[in-house]
């Protein structure tokens, strides 16, 4: 049935040529999705301040978060280096509650009773240095284990020699996944899902897998 509305005369007549947006690009920006960008959830200053406060102070109530979250107005006519405002403004309770709900919805924080806590670690520079030391200890010990198992591993790898491709990186990645599963089985890690990515990244992964299935 032909459309007879007043808008029919404005309809596009011709061939529409639109390239399919590949799954490794942001759907709204056409940029590669592996470029480091701040997720929209963390673009908001209040939400960032809430996460930083919980990282510094641990489990906190709504009252504690509201009391300590404040900000200074930015100078308009001079640079921040020339003038540091002494006035502090406090976010309203409604503002804090709204942003807490958003963070809770995206599972970045969790509310238990009247207290909020982070569901993922936020590290400061001192903590990152400590973690680097721990990972160095673990890596050096794993090198010892790999050296001790080298003959057994090489014997198994001969089965893949016909492919003539390096497998070391694949083995390391699979080993890490298996180690994670074993640690959970031994109750050495909390038996909860690991928050690796936000919903948008998961959606892109699904789209990528669909694209691979269609094109290969």
N, C-alpha and C. Protein backbone atom coordinates (compact mmCIF):
# COMPACT_ATOMS: atom_id res chain seq x y z
N UNK A 1 0.84 -1.18 0.00
CA UNK A 1 0.00 0.00 0.00
C UNK A 1 0.89 1.25 0.00
N UNK A 2 0.60 2.17 -0.91
CA UNK A 2 1.41 3.37 -1.03
C UNK A 2 1.04 4.36 0.06
N UNK A 3 2.05 4.96 0.63
CA UNK A 3 1.81 5.95 1.67
C UNK A 3 1.31 7.25 1.03
N UNK A 4 0.23 7.82 1.55
CA UNK A 4 -0.36 9.03 0.97
C UNK A 4 -0.33 10.20 1.94
N UNK A 5 0.47 10.09 3.01
CA UNK A 5 0.51 11.19 3.98
C UNK A 5 1.24 12.38 3.39
N UNK A 6 1.14 13.53 4.07
CA UNK A 6 1.78 14.75 3.59
C UNK A 6 3.31 14.63 3.60
N UNK A 7 3.84 13.63 4.31
CA UNK A 7 5.28 13.46 4.39
C UNK A 7 5.83 12.64 3.22
N UNK A 8 4.94 12.07 2.38
CA UNK A 8 5.38 11.19 1.31
C UNK A 8 6.29 11.92 0.32
N UNK A 9 6.01 13.20 0.08
CA UNK A 9 6.81 13.96 -0.89
C UNK A 9 8.24 14.20 -0.42
N UNK A 10 8.47 14.03 0.89
CA UNK A 10 9.81 14.26 1.42
C UNK A 10 10.61 12.97 1.57
N UNK A 11 10.01 11.87 1.15
CA UNK A 11 10.70 10.58 1.31
C UNK A 11 11.89 10.53 0.36
N UNK A 12 12.95 9.82 0.80
CA UNK A 12 14.15 9.68 0.00
C UNK A 12 13.90 8.67 -1.12
N UNK A 13 14.25 9.07 -2.33
CA UNK A 13 14.10 8.19 -3.49
C UNK A 13 15.50 7.88 -4.01
N UNK A 14 15.85 6.63 -4.05
CA UNK A 14 17.17 6.25 -4.51
C UNK A 14 17.69 5.05 -3.73
N UNK A 15 18.95 4.71 -3.96
CA UNK A 15 19.56 3.58 -3.27
C UNK A 15 20.29 4.06 -2.03
N UNK A 16 19.97 3.45 -0.91
CA UNK A 16 20.63 3.80 0.34
C UNK A 16 21.87 2.92 0.47
N UNK A 17 23.03 3.54 0.58
CA UNK A 17 24.28 2.80 0.73
C UNK A 17 24.88 3.14 2.08
N UNK A 18 24.72 2.26 3.03
CA UNK A 18 25.26 2.46 4.37
C UNK A 18 26.13 1.27 4.72
N UNK A 19 27.39 1.54 4.95
CA UNK A 19 28.29 0.46 5.33
C UNK A 19 27.93 -0.05 6.71
N UNK A 20 27.95 -1.37 6.86
CA UNK A 20 27.68 -1.97 8.16
C UNK A 20 28.77 -1.57 9.16
N UNK A 21 28.33 -1.10 10.33
CA UNK A 21 29.30 -0.74 11.36
C UNK A 21 29.86 -2.02 11.96
N UNK A 22 31.16 -2.18 11.83
CA UNK A 22 31.77 -3.41 12.32
C UNK A 22 31.73 -3.47 13.85
N UNK A 23 31.66 -4.66 14.41
CA UNK A 23 31.45 -4.78 15.86
C UNK A 23 32.60 -4.28 16.71
N UNK A 24 33.78 -4.05 16.11
CA UNK A 24 34.88 -3.56 16.93
C UNK A 24 34.89 -2.03 16.96
N UNK A 25 33.80 -1.40 16.50
CA UNK A 25 33.66 0.04 16.59
C UNK A 25 32.49 0.39 17.50
N UNK A 26 32.61 1.52 18.21
CA UNK A 26 31.49 2.00 19.00
C UNK A 26 30.32 2.27 18.07
N UNK A 27 29.13 1.85 18.51
CA UNK A 27 27.96 1.98 17.65
C UNK A 27 27.58 3.45 17.42
N UNK A 28 27.81 4.29 18.41
CA UNK A 28 27.37 5.68 18.29
C UNK A 28 28.45 6.62 17.77
N UNK A 29 29.72 6.22 17.83
CA UNK A 29 30.81 7.13 17.47
C UNK A 29 31.63 6.67 16.28
N UNK A 30 31.54 5.40 15.93
CA UNK A 30 32.36 4.90 14.84
C UNK A 30 33.83 4.86 15.17
N UNK A 31 34.16 4.79 16.46
CA UNK A 31 35.55 4.72 16.89
C UNK A 31 35.89 3.29 17.31
N UNK A 32 37.15 2.90 17.18
CA UNK A 32 37.53 1.57 17.68
C UNK A 32 37.22 1.43 19.16
N UNK A 33 36.59 0.33 19.53
CA UNK A 33 36.12 0.18 20.92
C UNK A 33 37.24 -0.22 21.87
N UNK A 34 38.46 -0.48 21.35
CA UNK A 34 39.56 -0.79 22.26
C UNK A 34 40.36 0.46 22.61
N UNK A 35 39.96 1.62 22.08
CA UNK A 35 40.61 2.86 22.50
C UNK A 35 40.16 3.22 23.90
N UNK A 36 41.14 3.59 24.74
CA UNK A 36 40.81 3.87 26.13
C UNK A 36 39.92 5.08 26.30
N UNK A 37 38.68 4.86 26.70
CA UNK A 37 37.75 5.94 26.98
C UNK A 37 37.08 5.68 28.31
N UNK A 38 36.72 6.77 29.00
CA UNK A 38 36.02 6.62 30.27
C UNK A 38 34.59 6.18 29.99
N UNK A 39 34.11 5.07 30.57
CA UNK A 39 32.70 4.68 30.39
C UNK A 39 31.78 5.80 30.87
N UNK A 40 30.63 5.93 30.24
CA UNK A 40 29.73 7.06 30.56
C UNK A 40 29.33 7.06 32.02
N UNK A 41 29.31 5.89 32.64
CA UNK A 41 28.93 5.81 34.05
C UNK A 41 29.91 6.58 34.92
N UNK A 42 31.18 6.58 34.52
CA UNK A 42 32.21 7.23 35.32
C UNK A 42 32.53 8.64 34.83
N UNK A 43 31.84 9.10 33.78
CA UNK A 43 32.09 10.46 33.30
C UNK A 43 31.56 11.49 34.29
N UNK A 44 30.57 11.10 35.09
CA UNK A 44 29.97 12.04 36.03
C UNK A 44 30.86 12.24 37.26
N UNK A 45 31.06 13.51 37.64
CA UNK A 45 31.97 13.84 38.74
C UNK A 45 31.49 13.27 40.07
N UNK A 46 30.18 13.33 40.32
CA UNK A 46 29.64 12.86 41.60
C UNK A 46 29.87 11.37 41.77
N UNK A 47 29.63 10.61 40.69
CA UNK A 47 29.82 9.16 40.78
C UNK A 47 31.28 8.81 40.99
N UNK A 48 32.18 9.56 40.33
CA UNK A 48 33.61 9.32 40.54
C UNK A 48 33.99 9.61 41.99
N UNK A 49 33.46 10.70 42.54
CA UNK A 49 33.76 11.06 43.92
C UNK A 49 33.25 10.00 44.90
N UNK A 50 32.08 9.45 44.62
CA UNK A 50 31.53 8.39 45.48
C UNK A 50 32.45 7.17 45.48
N UNK A 51 32.89 6.76 44.30
CA UNK A 51 33.76 5.58 44.19
C UNK A 51 35.10 5.83 44.88
N UNK A 52 35.66 7.03 44.71
CA UNK A 52 36.93 7.36 45.36
C UNK A 52 36.77 7.37 46.87
N UNK A 53 35.65 7.93 47.35
CA UNK A 53 35.41 7.97 48.79
C UNK A 53 35.32 6.55 49.37
N UNK A 54 34.57 5.67 48.68
CA UNK A 54 34.43 4.29 49.17
C UNK A 54 35.77 3.56 49.10
N UNK A 55 36.59 3.88 48.08
CA UNK A 55 37.91 3.25 47.99
C UNK A 55 38.81 3.67 49.15
N UNK A 56 38.69 4.92 49.58
CA UNK A 56 39.53 5.42 50.67
C UNK A 56 39.01 5.00 52.04
N UNK A 57 37.69 4.98 52.19
CA UNK A 57 37.11 4.82 53.53
C UNK A 57 36.41 3.49 53.77
N UNK A 58 36.30 2.67 52.73
CA UNK A 58 35.67 1.37 52.92
C UNK A 58 34.15 1.48 53.03
N UNK A 59 33.55 0.51 53.70
CA UNK A 59 32.10 0.44 53.83
C UNK A 59 31.58 1.70 54.52
N UNK A 60 30.60 2.37 53.90
CA UNK A 60 30.11 3.64 54.43
C UNK A 60 28.60 3.74 54.24
N UNK A 61 27.98 4.52 55.12
CA UNK A 61 26.54 4.76 55.03
C UNK A 61 26.25 5.95 54.13
N UNK A 62 24.98 6.11 53.78
CA UNK A 62 24.55 7.24 52.98
C UNK A 62 24.91 8.56 53.67
N UNK A 63 24.71 8.63 54.98
CA UNK A 63 25.01 9.84 55.75
C UNK A 63 26.49 10.19 55.69
N UNK A 64 27.34 9.17 55.80
CA UNK A 64 28.79 9.42 55.75
C UNK A 64 29.22 9.90 54.37
N UNK A 65 28.67 9.29 53.33
CA UNK A 65 29.01 9.70 51.97
C UNK A 65 28.55 11.13 51.72
N UNK A 66 27.30 11.44 52.12
CA UNK A 66 26.76 12.79 51.90
C UNK A 66 27.55 13.84 52.67
N UNK A 67 27.97 13.52 53.87
CA UNK A 67 28.68 14.49 54.70
C UNK A 67 30.04 14.86 54.12
N UNK A 68 30.72 13.89 53.53
CA UNK A 68 32.10 14.12 53.09
C UNK A 68 32.24 14.46 51.62
N UNK A 69 31.15 14.34 50.85
CA UNK A 69 31.23 14.67 49.42
C UNK A 69 30.88 16.13 49.21
N UNK A 70 31.87 16.94 48.90
CA UNK A 70 31.63 18.34 48.60
C UNK A 70 32.58 18.80 47.51
N UNK A 71 32.35 20.00 47.01
CA UNK A 71 33.17 20.49 45.91
C UNK A 71 33.32 22.00 46.00
N UNK A 72 34.35 22.51 45.36
CA UNK A 72 34.60 23.95 45.29
C UNK A 72 34.28 24.45 43.89
N UNK A 73 33.75 25.67 43.78
CA UNK A 73 33.47 26.21 42.45
C UNK A 73 34.76 26.49 41.71
N UNK A 74 34.77 26.23 40.41
CA UNK A 74 35.96 26.49 39.60
C UNK A 74 36.03 27.97 39.25
N UNK A 75 37.20 28.59 39.35
CA UNK A 75 37.32 30.01 39.00
C UNK A 75 37.08 30.22 37.51
N UNK A 76 36.38 31.30 37.16
CA UNK A 76 36.02 31.57 35.77
C UNK A 76 37.00 32.50 35.07
N UNK A 77 37.53 33.50 35.78
CA UNK A 77 38.35 34.53 35.14
C UNK A 77 39.84 34.28 35.29
N UNK A 78 40.22 33.39 36.19
CA UNK A 78 41.63 33.08 36.38
C UNK A 78 41.81 31.57 36.35
N UNK A 79 43.03 31.13 36.26
CA UNK A 79 43.29 29.69 36.23
C UNK A 79 43.23 29.11 37.65
N UNK A 80 43.08 27.82 37.73
CA UNK A 80 42.99 27.15 39.04
C UNK A 80 44.29 27.31 39.83
N UNK A 81 45.42 27.49 39.11
CA UNK A 81 46.70 27.66 39.80
C UNK A 81 46.80 29.04 40.46
N UNK A 82 46.12 30.02 39.88
CA UNK A 82 46.20 31.38 40.41
C UNK A 82 45.29 31.60 41.62
N UNK A 83 44.23 30.82 41.70
CA UNK A 83 43.28 31.05 42.79
C UNK A 83 42.67 29.72 43.22
N UNK A 84 42.77 29.43 44.51
CA UNK A 84 42.17 28.21 45.07
C UNK A 84 41.00 28.62 45.96
N UNK A 85 39.77 28.31 45.57
CA UNK A 85 38.61 28.71 46.36
C UNK A 85 38.60 28.01 47.72
N UNK A 86 38.20 28.74 48.73
CA UNK A 86 38.07 28.18 50.07
C UNK A 86 36.64 27.73 50.37
N UNK A 87 35.70 28.14 49.53
CA UNK A 87 34.29 27.80 49.75
C UNK A 87 34.05 26.37 49.32
N UNK A 88 33.26 25.64 50.10
CA UNK A 88 32.90 24.27 49.77
C UNK A 88 31.39 24.16 49.64
N UNK A 89 30.93 23.50 48.59
CA UNK A 89 29.50 23.24 48.41
C UNK A 89 29.24 21.75 48.64
N UNK A 90 28.05 21.45 49.11
CA UNK A 90 27.69 20.05 49.39
C UNK A 90 26.61 19.62 48.41
N UNK A 91 26.78 18.41 47.85
CA UNK A 91 25.74 17.87 46.99
C UNK A 91 24.49 17.59 47.83
N UNK A 92 23.31 17.71 47.24
CA UNK A 92 22.08 17.42 47.97
C UNK A 92 21.95 15.91 48.19
N UNK A 93 21.14 15.54 49.17
CA UNK A 93 20.91 14.11 49.45
C UNK A 93 20.30 13.42 48.23
N UNK A 94 19.36 14.12 47.56
CA UNK A 94 18.70 13.53 46.39
C UNK A 94 19.72 13.23 45.29
N UNK A 95 20.67 14.15 45.10
CA UNK A 95 21.72 13.93 44.08
C UNK A 95 22.55 12.71 44.41
N UNK A 96 22.98 12.61 45.67
CA UNK A 96 23.79 11.46 46.09
C UNK A 96 23.00 10.16 45.93
N UNK A 97 21.74 10.17 46.37
CA UNK A 97 20.91 8.96 46.28
C UNK A 97 20.74 8.51 44.83
N UNK A 98 20.51 9.47 43.92
CA UNK A 98 20.35 9.11 42.50
C UNK A 98 21.61 8.45 41.94
N UNK A 99 22.76 9.02 42.25
CA UNK A 99 24.01 8.47 41.73
C UNK A 99 24.36 7.13 42.39
N UNK A 100 24.00 6.98 43.65
CA UNK A 100 24.21 5.68 44.31
C UNK A 100 23.37 4.61 43.63
N UNK A 101 22.14 4.96 43.26
CA UNK A 101 21.26 4.00 42.58
C UNK A 101 21.84 3.59 41.23
N UNK A 102 22.40 4.56 40.49
CA UNK A 102 23.00 4.24 39.19
C UNK A 102 24.19 3.30 39.37
N UNK A 103 25.06 3.62 40.33
CA UNK A 103 26.24 2.76 40.58
C UNK A 103 25.82 1.37 41.04
N UNK A 104 24.74 1.31 41.83
CA UNK A 104 24.24 0.01 42.31
C UNK A 104 23.63 -0.77 41.16
N UNK A 105 22.90 -0.09 40.27
CA UNK A 105 22.28 -0.75 39.13
C UNK A 105 23.33 -1.40 38.23
N UNK A 106 24.46 -0.70 38.04
CA UNK A 106 25.52 -1.24 37.19
C UNK A 106 26.50 -2.10 37.97
N UNK A 107 26.12 -2.45 39.20
CA UNK A 107 26.88 -3.39 40.02
C UNK A 107 28.32 -2.92 40.30
N UNK A 108 28.52 -1.60 40.35
CA UNK A 108 29.83 -1.07 40.74
C UNK A 108 29.93 -0.91 42.25
N UNK A 109 28.77 -0.79 42.90
CA UNK A 109 28.72 -0.80 44.36
C UNK A 109 27.60 -1.73 44.79
N UNK A 110 27.61 -2.09 46.06
CA UNK A 110 26.57 -2.98 46.59
C UNK A 110 26.10 -2.43 47.93
N UNK A 111 24.80 -2.49 48.17
CA UNK A 111 24.23 -2.03 49.42
C UNK A 111 23.85 -3.23 50.28
N UNK A 112 24.39 -3.28 51.47
CA UNK A 112 24.05 -4.34 52.43
C UNK A 112 23.58 -3.65 53.71
N UNK A 113 22.29 -3.80 54.01
CA UNK A 113 21.71 -3.06 55.13
C UNK A 113 21.66 -1.59 54.78
N UNK A 114 22.29 -0.77 55.58
CA UNK A 114 22.33 0.68 55.32
C UNK A 114 23.70 1.13 54.83
N UNK A 115 24.59 0.17 54.51
CA UNK A 115 25.98 0.51 54.14
C UNK A 115 26.24 0.16 52.67
N UNK A 116 27.12 0.95 52.05
CA UNK A 116 27.54 0.73 50.67
C UNK A 116 29.00 0.31 50.63
N UNK A 117 29.34 -0.56 49.69
CA UNK A 117 30.75 -0.91 49.48
C UNK A 117 30.99 -1.20 48.01
N UNK A 118 32.25 -1.11 47.60
CA UNK A 118 32.64 -1.36 46.21
C UNK A 118 32.55 -2.85 45.88
N UNK A 119 32.25 -3.15 44.63
CA UNK A 119 32.26 -4.54 44.17
C UNK A 119 33.52 -4.87 43.37
N UNK A 120 34.39 -3.87 43.19
CA UNK A 120 35.63 -4.09 42.45
C UNK A 120 36.70 -3.19 43.07
N UNK A 121 37.96 -3.54 42.95
CA UNK A 121 39.01 -2.75 43.60
C UNK A 121 39.36 -1.47 42.85
N UNK A 122 39.55 -0.40 43.60
CA UNK A 122 40.10 0.84 43.06
C UNK A 122 41.41 1.09 43.79
N UNK A 123 42.52 1.11 43.05
CA UNK A 123 43.84 1.20 43.68
C UNK A 123 44.42 2.59 43.53
N UNK A 124 45.13 3.02 44.56
CA UNK A 124 45.90 4.25 44.51
C UNK A 124 47.37 3.88 44.27
N UNK A 125 48.21 4.89 44.02
CA UNK A 125 49.59 4.62 43.58
C UNK A 125 50.34 3.73 44.58
N UNK A 126 50.18 3.98 45.88
CA UNK A 126 50.90 3.17 46.87
C UNK A 126 50.47 1.71 46.79
N UNK A 127 49.16 1.49 46.60
CA UNK A 127 48.64 0.13 46.52
C UNK A 127 49.10 -0.56 45.24
N UNK A 128 49.18 0.21 44.15
CA UNK A 128 49.64 -0.36 42.88
C UNK A 128 51.08 -0.86 43.00
N UNK A 129 51.91 -0.09 43.72
CA UNK A 129 53.30 -0.52 43.92
C UNK A 129 53.35 -1.82 44.71
N UNK A 130 52.51 -1.95 45.74
CA UNK A 130 52.46 -3.19 46.53
C UNK A 130 52.01 -4.37 45.66
N UNK A 131 51.02 -4.13 44.80
CA UNK A 131 50.51 -5.19 43.93
C UNK A 131 51.58 -5.62 42.93
N UNK A 132 52.35 -4.64 42.43
CA UNK A 132 53.45 -4.97 41.51
C UNK A 132 54.45 -5.91 42.17
N UNK A 133 54.73 -5.67 43.44
CA UNK A 133 55.66 -6.54 44.17
C UNK A 133 55.09 -7.95 44.31
N UNK A 134 53.78 -8.03 44.60
CA UNK A 134 53.14 -9.35 44.76
C UNK A 134 53.15 -10.10 43.43
N UNK A 135 52.78 -9.40 42.34
CA UNK A 135 52.74 -10.07 41.03
C UNK A 135 54.14 -10.50 40.59
N UNK A 136 55.14 -9.74 40.97
CA UNK A 136 56.53 -10.13 40.64
C UNK A 136 56.90 -11.42 41.36
N UNK A 137 56.53 -11.53 42.64
CA UNK A 137 56.79 -12.76 43.41
C UNK A 137 56.09 -13.95 42.76
N UNK A 138 54.80 -13.78 42.39
CA UNK A 138 54.04 -14.87 41.78
C UNK A 138 54.65 -15.26 40.43
N UNK A 139 54.99 -14.25 39.60
CA UNK A 139 55.53 -14.54 38.28
C UNK A 139 56.85 -15.31 38.37
N UNK A 140 57.73 -14.91 39.29
CA UNK A 140 59.01 -15.60 39.43
C UNK A 140 58.83 -17.04 39.89
N UNK A 141 57.85 -17.28 40.77
CA UNK A 141 57.58 -18.65 41.21
C UNK A 141 56.98 -19.49 40.09
N UNK A 142 56.15 -18.86 39.25
CA UNK A 142 55.58 -19.61 38.13
C UNK A 142 56.66 -19.98 37.12
N UNK A 143 57.68 -19.13 36.96
CA UNK A 143 58.80 -19.46 36.07
C UNK A 143 59.48 -20.74 36.55
N UNK A 144 59.67 -20.87 37.88
CA UNK A 144 60.28 -22.08 38.43
C UNK A 144 59.45 -23.31 38.09
N UNK A 145 58.12 -23.17 38.23
CA UNK A 145 57.22 -24.30 37.95
C UNK A 145 57.29 -24.67 36.47
N UNK A 146 57.30 -23.66 35.60
CA UNK A 146 57.36 -23.91 34.15
C UNK A 146 58.67 -24.60 33.78
N UNK A 147 59.78 -24.16 34.38
CA UNK A 147 61.08 -24.80 34.11
C UNK A 147 61.08 -26.26 34.54
N UNK A 148 60.48 -26.52 35.72
CA UNK A 148 60.42 -27.89 36.22
C UNK A 148 59.54 -28.78 35.34
N UNK A 149 58.52 -28.17 34.70
CA UNK A 149 57.58 -28.95 33.87
C UNK A 149 57.94 -28.89 32.39
N UNK A 150 59.09 -28.30 32.06
CA UNK A 150 59.41 -28.03 30.66
C UNK A 150 59.43 -29.29 29.79
N UNK A 151 60.03 -30.35 30.28
CA UNK A 151 60.11 -31.58 29.47
C UNK A 151 58.72 -32.12 29.17
N UNK A 152 57.86 -32.16 30.19
CA UNK A 152 56.50 -32.67 30.01
C UNK A 152 55.71 -31.77 29.05
N UNK A 153 55.89 -30.45 29.19
CA UNK A 153 55.17 -29.50 28.32
C UNK A 153 55.66 -29.63 26.88
N UNK A 154 56.98 -29.72 26.69
CA UNK A 154 57.53 -29.84 25.34
C UNK A 154 57.04 -31.10 24.65
N UNK A 155 56.91 -32.17 25.42
CA UNK A 155 56.42 -33.43 24.85
C UNK A 155 54.99 -33.26 24.34
N UNK A 156 54.17 -32.55 25.09
CA UNK A 156 52.79 -32.31 24.67
C UNK A 156 52.73 -31.37 23.47
N UNK A 157 53.61 -30.35 23.46
CA UNK A 157 53.59 -29.35 22.39
C UNK A 157 54.01 -29.93 21.04
N UNK A 158 54.71 -31.09 21.03
CA UNK A 158 55.11 -31.72 19.77
C UNK A 158 53.89 -32.10 18.95
N UNK A 159 52.76 -32.32 19.62
CA UNK A 159 51.53 -32.67 18.92
C UNK A 159 51.05 -31.52 18.05
N UNK A 160 51.47 -30.30 18.38
CA UNK A 160 51.01 -29.12 17.64
C UNK A 160 52.08 -28.58 16.69
N UNK A 161 53.18 -29.30 16.55
CA UNK A 161 54.30 -28.78 15.75
C UNK A 161 53.92 -28.59 14.28
N UNK A 162 52.96 -29.36 13.80
CA UNK A 162 52.59 -29.26 12.38
C UNK A 162 51.93 -27.92 12.06
N UNK A 163 51.37 -27.24 13.07
CA UNK A 163 50.72 -25.95 12.82
C UNK A 163 51.74 -24.83 12.64
N UNK A 164 52.93 -25.02 13.21
CA UNK A 164 54.01 -24.05 13.08
C UNK A 164 53.60 -22.64 13.51
N UNK A 165 52.90 -22.55 14.63
CA UNK A 165 52.49 -21.25 15.18
C UNK A 165 52.89 -21.21 16.66
N UNK A 166 53.25 -20.03 17.18
CA UNK A 166 53.61 -19.92 18.60
C UNK A 166 52.38 -20.09 19.48
N UNK A 167 52.50 -20.92 20.50
CA UNK A 167 51.37 -21.21 21.39
C UNK A 167 51.56 -20.67 22.81
N UNK A 168 52.71 -20.05 23.06
CA UNK A 168 53.01 -19.67 24.45
C UNK A 168 51.97 -18.70 25.03
N UNK A 169 51.59 -17.68 24.24
CA UNK A 169 50.65 -16.69 24.76
C UNK A 169 49.28 -17.32 25.01
N UNK A 170 48.87 -18.22 24.11
CA UNK A 170 47.59 -18.91 24.30
C UNK A 170 47.64 -19.76 25.56
N UNK A 171 48.76 -20.45 25.76
CA UNK A 171 48.90 -21.30 26.95
C UNK A 171 48.83 -20.46 28.22
N UNK A 172 49.51 -19.31 28.22
CA UNK A 172 49.49 -18.45 29.41
C UNK A 172 48.08 -17.97 29.72
N UNK A 173 47.35 -17.56 28.68
CA UNK A 173 45.99 -17.06 28.89
C UNK A 173 45.08 -18.17 29.41
N UNK A 174 45.17 -19.35 28.81
CA UNK A 174 44.34 -20.48 29.25
C UNK A 174 44.73 -20.92 30.66
N UNK A 175 46.04 -20.84 30.97
CA UNK A 175 46.50 -21.22 32.30
C UNK A 175 45.92 -20.29 33.36
N UNK A 176 45.86 -19.00 33.05
CA UNK A 176 45.30 -18.03 33.99
C UNK A 176 43.82 -18.32 34.25
N UNK A 177 43.09 -18.66 33.18
CA UNK A 177 41.67 -18.99 33.34
C UNK A 177 41.50 -20.24 34.19
N UNK A 178 42.33 -21.25 33.93
CA UNK A 178 42.25 -22.50 34.69
C UNK A 178 42.64 -22.28 36.15
N UNK A 179 43.68 -21.46 36.35
CA UNK A 179 44.12 -21.14 37.71
C UNK A 179 43.00 -20.46 38.49
N UNK A 180 42.29 -19.55 37.83
CA UNK A 180 41.18 -18.85 38.47
C UNK A 180 40.11 -19.85 38.92
N UNK A 181 39.80 -20.84 38.04
CA UNK A 181 38.80 -21.85 38.39
C UNK A 181 39.27 -22.72 39.56
N UNK A 182 40.53 -23.15 39.53
CA UNK A 182 41.07 -24.00 40.60
C UNK A 182 41.09 -23.25 41.95
N UNK A 183 41.45 -21.96 41.92
CA UNK A 183 41.48 -21.18 43.16
C UNK A 183 40.09 -21.08 43.78
N UNK A 184 39.07 -20.96 42.91
CA UNK A 184 37.69 -20.92 43.43
C UNK A 184 37.29 -22.27 44.02
N UNK A 185 37.69 -23.36 43.35
CA UNK A 185 37.37 -24.70 43.85
C UNK A 185 38.02 -24.95 45.20
N UNK A 186 39.21 -24.40 45.41
CA UNK A 186 39.93 -24.57 46.67
C UNK A 186 39.54 -23.52 47.72
N UNK A 187 38.50 -22.72 47.40
CA UNK A 187 38.02 -21.66 48.31
C UNK A 187 39.11 -20.63 48.64
N UNK A 188 40.01 -20.40 47.67
CA UNK A 188 41.04 -19.38 47.84
C UNK A 188 40.65 -18.06 47.18
N UNK A 189 39.51 -18.07 46.49
CA UNK A 189 38.93 -16.85 45.92
C UNK A 189 37.45 -16.85 46.25
N UNK A 190 36.85 -15.68 46.43
CA UNK A 190 35.39 -15.64 46.65
C UNK A 190 34.66 -16.19 45.44
N UNK A 191 33.68 -17.02 45.68
CA UNK A 191 32.96 -17.69 44.59
C UNK A 191 31.85 -16.79 44.04
N UNK A 192 32.28 -15.66 43.48
CA UNK A 192 31.34 -14.70 42.88
C UNK A 192 31.83 -14.37 41.48
N UNK A 193 30.91 -13.95 40.59
CA UNK A 193 31.35 -13.61 39.23
C UNK A 193 32.39 -12.50 39.24
N UNK A 194 33.35 -12.59 38.35
CA UNK A 194 34.39 -11.59 38.25
C UNK A 194 33.92 -10.47 37.33
N UNK A 195 33.88 -9.22 37.85
CA UNK A 195 33.44 -8.10 37.03
C UNK A 195 34.59 -7.67 36.14
N UNK A 196 34.55 -8.12 34.88
CA UNK A 196 35.63 -7.79 33.95
C UNK A 196 35.24 -6.66 33.02
N UNK A 197 33.94 -6.54 32.72
CA UNK A 197 33.53 -5.53 31.76
C UNK A 197 32.11 -5.08 32.04
N UNK A 198 31.77 -3.92 31.54
CA UNK A 198 30.42 -3.41 31.69
C UNK A 198 29.54 -4.01 30.60
N UNK A 199 28.25 -3.74 30.70
CA UNK A 199 27.30 -4.35 29.79
C UNK A 199 27.61 -4.01 28.34
N UNK A 200 28.05 -2.77 28.09
CA UNK A 200 28.34 -2.36 26.71
C UNK A 200 29.43 -3.21 26.10
N UNK A 201 30.48 -3.50 26.88
CA UNK A 201 31.57 -4.34 26.37
C UNK A 201 31.09 -5.77 26.11
N UNK A 202 30.19 -6.27 26.97
CA UNK A 202 29.65 -7.61 26.77
C UNK A 202 28.82 -7.65 25.49
N UNK A 203 28.04 -6.58 25.26
CA UNK A 203 27.23 -6.52 24.05
C UNK A 203 28.11 -6.51 22.81
N UNK A 204 29.21 -5.75 22.85
CA UNK A 204 30.12 -5.71 21.70
C UNK A 204 30.74 -7.07 21.44
N UNK A 205 31.04 -7.80 22.52
CA UNK A 205 31.62 -9.13 22.35
C UNK A 205 30.63 -10.06 21.65
N UNK A 206 29.36 -9.97 22.04
CA UNK A 206 28.32 -10.78 21.39
C UNK A 206 28.22 -10.42 19.91
N UNK A 207 28.21 -9.09 19.64
CA UNK A 207 28.13 -8.63 18.26
C UNK A 207 29.33 -9.12 17.45
N UNK A 208 30.51 -9.09 18.08
CA UNK A 208 31.71 -9.55 17.39
C UNK A 208 31.60 -11.03 17.04
N UNK A 209 31.13 -11.84 18.00
CA UNK A 209 30.99 -13.27 17.75
C UNK A 209 29.96 -13.54 16.64
N UNK A 210 28.88 -12.74 16.63
CA UNK A 210 27.88 -12.89 15.56
C UNK A 210 28.50 -12.53 14.20
N UNK A 211 29.31 -11.47 14.18
CA UNK A 211 29.95 -11.04 12.93
C UNK A 211 30.90 -12.12 12.42
N UNK A 212 31.67 -12.71 13.31
CA UNK A 212 32.60 -13.79 12.92
C UNK A 212 31.81 -14.96 12.34
N UNK A 213 30.70 -15.32 13.00
CA UNK A 213 29.89 -16.45 12.54
C UNK A 213 29.30 -16.19 11.15
N UNK A 214 28.92 -14.93 10.88
CA UNK A 214 28.32 -14.59 9.58
C UNK A 214 29.35 -14.52 8.46
N UNK A 215 30.53 -14.02 8.80
CA UNK A 215 31.53 -13.74 7.75
C UNK A 215 32.57 -14.84 7.55
N UNK A 216 32.66 -15.76 8.49
CA UNK A 216 33.65 -16.82 8.34
C UNK A 216 33.00 -18.19 8.45
